[in-house]
Amino acid sequence: MEARLARSSWNMDAGNIASIEDASGWTVIFEQGRAWLTLEGYSQDKLLNPGERFIIPGSGHLLIEADRASRIRLEPPPANVLSRVSAGLMSGTRQIARALVSATVYSAERMRCRPAR
C-alpha cells in the first residue's frame, strides 16, 4: 500500500500484513480489531487496540500485522507539518539557485582564448 492518498481506510484479516513506506508524520488509527506495528529502526513493536492512534516517526516505514480482523485508517499529517516540509524543500531549492547564480562561468572570450592557427 502506498501512503500517498489524502486519506485511506482498509480492512485486514487476522494474520495479514501491510507495508507502508514514506509515511513519516502520518497517523494510523485503529477503528476496530488489534494489530502489531513494526517500525524501521525501532527495537520494540507496538500493539494498538480499537480507538488508538499512532503517528509514524522516522523514515516512515511501517509494517502492520493484524492480530484479529481489523479496520485501519491512515491520515496525512496536519497542514502545518506539510507546509514545513514544503518550506524546507523550497529553502534547499533557493540555496541551489543562489549557488548557480554566483558560480563563475568562464567563456572563451573572457579567458582570451583564440583559435589555433
C-alpha atoms as a PDB file:
ATOM      1  CA  MET A   1       0.000   0.000   0.000  1.00  0.00           C
ATOM      2  CA  GLU A   2       1.265   3.464  -0.780  1.00  0.00           C
ATOM      3  CA  ALA A   3       0.717   6.187   1.761  1.00  0.00           C
ATOM      4  CA  ARG A   4       0.244   8.880  -0.878  1.00  0.00           C
ATOM      5  CA  LEU A   5      -3.530   9.124  -0.653  1.00  0.00           C
ATOM      6  CA  ALA A   6      -5.261  12.033   1.051  1.00  0.00           C
ATOM      7  CA  ARG A   7      -6.995   9.564   3.341  1.00  0.00           C
ATOM      8  CA  SER A   8      -7.191   5.791   3.265  1.00  0.00           C
ATOM      9  CA  SER A   9      -9.128   3.116   5.173  1.00  0.00           C
ATOM     10  CA  TRP A  10      -8.986  -0.610   4.771  1.00  0.00           C
ATOM     11  CA  ASN A  11      -9.878  -3.910   6.425  1.00  0.00           C
ATOM     12  CA  MET A  12      -7.336  -6.561   7.355  1.00  0.00           C
ATOM     13  CA  ASP A  13      -7.968 -10.197   8.236  1.00  0.00           C
ATOM     14  CA  ALA A  14      -6.107 -11.805  11.133  1.00  0.00           C
ATOM     15  CA  GLY A  15      -2.538 -12.622  10.121  1.00  0.00           C
ATOM     16  CA  ASN A  16      -2.448 -10.195   7.183  1.00  0.00           C
ATOM     17  CA  ILE A  17       0.495  -7.803   6.891  1.00  0.00           C
ATOM     18  CA  ALA A  18       0.523  -4.352   5.295  1.00  0.00           C
ATOM     19  CA  SER A  19       3.720  -2.449   4.491  1.00  0.00           C
ATOM     20  CA  ILE A  20       3.604   1.354   4.459  1.00  0.00           C
ATOM     21  CA  GLU A  21       6.545   3.421   3.213  1.00  0.00           C
ATOM     22  CA  ASP A  22       7.356   7.136   3.123  1.00  0.00           C
ATOM     23  CA  ALA A  23       4.634   7.962   5.667  1.00  0.00           C
ATOM     24  CA  SER A  24       6.590   9.890   8.288  1.00  0.00           C
ATOM     25  CA  GLY A  25       4.170  12.102  10.212  1.00  0.00           C
ATOM     26  CA  TRP A  26       1.065  10.209   9.028  1.00  0.00           C
ATOM     27  CA  THR A  27      -1.338   8.865  11.671  1.00  0.00           C
ATOM     28  CA  VAL A  28      -2.507   5.239  11.843  1.00  0.00           C
ATOM     29  CA  ILE A  29      -5.914   4.951  13.542  1.00  0.00           C
ATOM     30  CA  PHE A  30      -7.346   1.575  14.601  1.00  0.00           C
ATOM     31  CA  GLU A  31     -11.123   1.668  14.264  1.00  0.00           C
ATOM     32  CA  GLN A  32     -11.631  -1.991  15.219  1.00  0.00           C
ATOM     33  CA  GLY A  33      -9.577  -5.097  15.864  1.00  0.00           C
ATOM     34  CA  ARG A  34      -6.000  -5.201  17.082  1.00  0.00           C
ATOM     35  CA  ALA A  35      -2.644  -5.138  15.304  1.00  0.00           C
ATOM     36  CA  TRP A  36       1.092  -5.030  15.860  1.00  0.00           C
ATOM     37  CA  LEU A  37       3.151  -2.185  14.418  1.00  0.00           C
ATOM     38  CA  THR A  38       6.783  -2.797  13.493  1.00  0.00           C
ATOM     39  CA  LEU A  39       8.782   0.361  12.806  1.00  0.00           C
ATOM     40  CA  GLU A  40      12.021   0.511  10.851  1.00  0.00           C
ATOM     41  CA  GLY A  41      14.860   1.424  13.191  1.00  0.00           C
ATOM     42  CA  TYR A  42      12.991   0.631  16.438  1.00  0.00           C
ATOM     43  CA  SER A  43      13.707  -2.459  18.527  1.00  0.00           C
ATOM     44  CA  GLN A  44      10.222  -2.946  20.007  1.00  0.00           C
ATOM     45  CA  ASP A  45       6.895  -3.487  18.302  1.00  0.00           C
ATOM     46  CA  LYS A  46       3.772  -1.640  19.409  1.00  0.00           C
ATOM     47  CA  LEU A  47       0.331  -3.202  19.930  1.00  0.00           C
ATOM     48  CA  LEU A  48      -2.638  -0.995  19.052  1.00  0.00           C
ATOM     49  CA  ASN A  49      -6.253  -1.610  20.050  1.00  0.00           C
ATOM     50  CA  PRO A  50      -9.525  -0.055  18.813  1.00  0.00           C
ATOM     51  CA  GLY A  51      -9.627   3.717  19.176  1.00  0.00           C
ATOM     52  CA  GLU A  52      -5.855   4.058  19.500  1.00  0.00           C
ATOM     53  CA  ARG A  53      -3.787   6.124  17.094  1.00  0.00           C
ATOM     54  CA  PHE A  54      -0.108   6.270  16.311  1.00  0.00           C
ATOM     55  CA  ILE A  55       1.909   8.945  14.500  1.00  0.00           C
ATOM     56  CA  ILE A  56       4.527   7.328  12.258  1.00  0.00           C
ATOM     57  CA  PRO A  57       8.031   8.606  13.142  1.00  0.00           C
ATOM     58  CA  GLY A  58      11.430   8.446  11.475  1.00  0.00           C
ATOM     59  CA  SER A  59      11.730   7.180   7.918  1.00  0.00           C
ATOM     60  CA  GLY A  60       8.028   6.432   7.751  1.00  0.00           C
ATOM     61  CA  HIS A  61       8.459   2.708   7.016  1.00  0.00           C
ATOM     62  CA  LEU A  62       5.963   0.647   8.975  1.00  0.00           C
ATOM     63  CA  LEU A  63       4.632  -2.925   8.965  1.00  0.00           C
ATOM     64  CA  ILE A  64       1.151  -3.613  10.333  1.00  0.00           C
ATOM     65  CA  GLU A  65       0.227  -7.187  11.256  1.00  0.00           C
ATOM     66  CA  ALA A  66      -3.419  -7.765  12.184  1.00  0.00           C
ATOM     67  CA  ASP A  67      -3.849  -9.895  15.317  1.00  0.00           C
ATOM     68  CA  ARG A  68      -7.555 -10.225  14.517  1.00  0.00           C
ATOM     69  CA  ALA A  69      -9.912  -8.811  11.885  1.00  0.00           C
ATOM     70  CA  SER A  70      -9.224  -5.075  11.895  1.00  0.00           C
ATOM     71  CA  ARG A  71     -10.284  -1.807  10.299  1.00  0.00           C
ATOM     72  CA  ILE A  72      -7.464   0.708   9.952  1.00  0.00           C
ATOM     73  CA  ARG A  73      -7.412   4.315   8.770  1.00  0.00           C
ATOM     74  CA  LEU A  74      -4.371   6.270   7.619  1.00  0.00           C
ATOM     75  CA  GLU A  75      -4.475  10.083   7.744  1.00  0.00           C
ATOM     76  CA  PRO A  76      -1.949  12.600   6.406  1.00  0.00           C
ATOM     77  CA  PRO A  77      -0.021  14.921   8.714  1.00  0.00           C
ATOM     78  CA  PRO A  78      -1.621  18.258   9.626  1.00  0.00           C
ATOM     79  CA  ALA A  79      -1.212  21.033   7.073  1.00  0.00           C
ATOM     80  CA  ASN A  80       1.366  22.838   9.242  1.00  0.00           C
ATOM     81  CA  VAL A  81       3.681  19.805   9.056  1.00  0.00           C
ATOM     82  CA  LEU A  82       3.254  19.608   5.285  1.00  0.00           C
ATOM     83  CA  SER A  83       3.963  23.322   4.928  1.00  0.00           C
ATOM     84  CA  ARG A  84       7.180  22.953   6.981  1.00  0.00           C
ATOM     85  CA  VAL A  85       8.331  20.140   4.695  1.00  0.00           C
ATOM     86  CA  SER A  86       7.444  22.230   1.652  1.00  0.00           C
ATOM     87  CA  ALA A  87       9.281  25.250   3.103  1.00  0.00           C
ATOM     88  CA  GLY A  88      12.365  23.087   3.704  1.00  0.00           C
ATOM     89  CA  LEU A  89      12.316  21.901   0.110  1.00  0.00           C
ATOM     90  CA  MET A  90      11.906  25.449  -1.184  1.00  0.00           C
ATOM     91  CA  SER A  91      14.772  26.638   1.004  1.00  0.00           C
ATOM     92  CA  GLY A  92      17.032  23.921  -0.418  1.00  0.00           C
ATOM     93  CA  THR A  93      15.994  24.871  -3.946  1.00  0.00           C
ATOM     94  CA  ARG A  94      16.785  28.532  -3.253  1.00  0.00           C
ATOM     95  CA  GLN A  95      20.246  27.598  -1.938  1.00  0.00           C
ATOM     96  CA  ILE A  96      20.979  25.641  -5.115  1.00  0.00           C
ATOM     97  CA  ALA A  97      19.737  28.545  -7.282  1.00  0.00           C
ATOM     98  CA  ARG A  98      21.956  31.012  -5.373  1.00  0.00           C
ATOM     99  CA  ALA A  99      24.954  28.755  -5.822  1.00  0.00           C
ATOM    100  CA  LEU A 100      24.311  28.504  -9.552  1.00  0.00           C
ATOM    101  CA  VAL A 101      23.866  32.266  -9.938  1.00  0.00           C
ATOM    102  CA  SER A 102      27.049  33.046  -8.022  1.00  0.00           C
ATOM    103  CA  ALA A 103      29.065  30.410  -9.865  1.00  0.00           C
ATOM    104  CA  THR A 104      31.743  31.855 -12.086  1.00  0.00           C
ATOM    105  CA  VAL A 105      31.341  30.916 -15.697  1.00  0.00           C
ATOM    106  CA  TYR A 106      34.361  31.407 -17.927  1.00  0.00           C
ATOM    107  CA  SER A 107      33.827  31.936 -21.589  1.00  0.00           C
ATOM    108  CA  ALA A 108      36.490  31.607 -24.267  1.00  0.00           C
ATOM    109  CA  GLU A 109      36.390  35.384 -24.816  1.00  0.00           C
ATOM    110  CA  ARG A 110      36.843  36.148 -21.136  1.00  0.00           C
ATOM    111  CA  MET A 111      39.823  33.834 -20.932  1.00  0.00           C
ATOM    112  CA  ARG A 112      41.277  35.472 -24.063  1.00  0.00           C
ATOM    113  CA  CYS A 113      41.333  32.239 -25.969  1.00  0.00           C
ATOM    114  CA  ARG A 114      41.998  32.363 -29.678  1.00  0.00           C
ATOM    115  CA  PRO A 115      41.605  29.683 -32.268  1.00  0.00           C
ATOM    116  CA  ALA A 116      44.780  27.777 -33.016  1.00  0.00           C
ATOM    117  CA  ARG A 117      46.400  28.657 -36.371  1.00  0.00           C
END
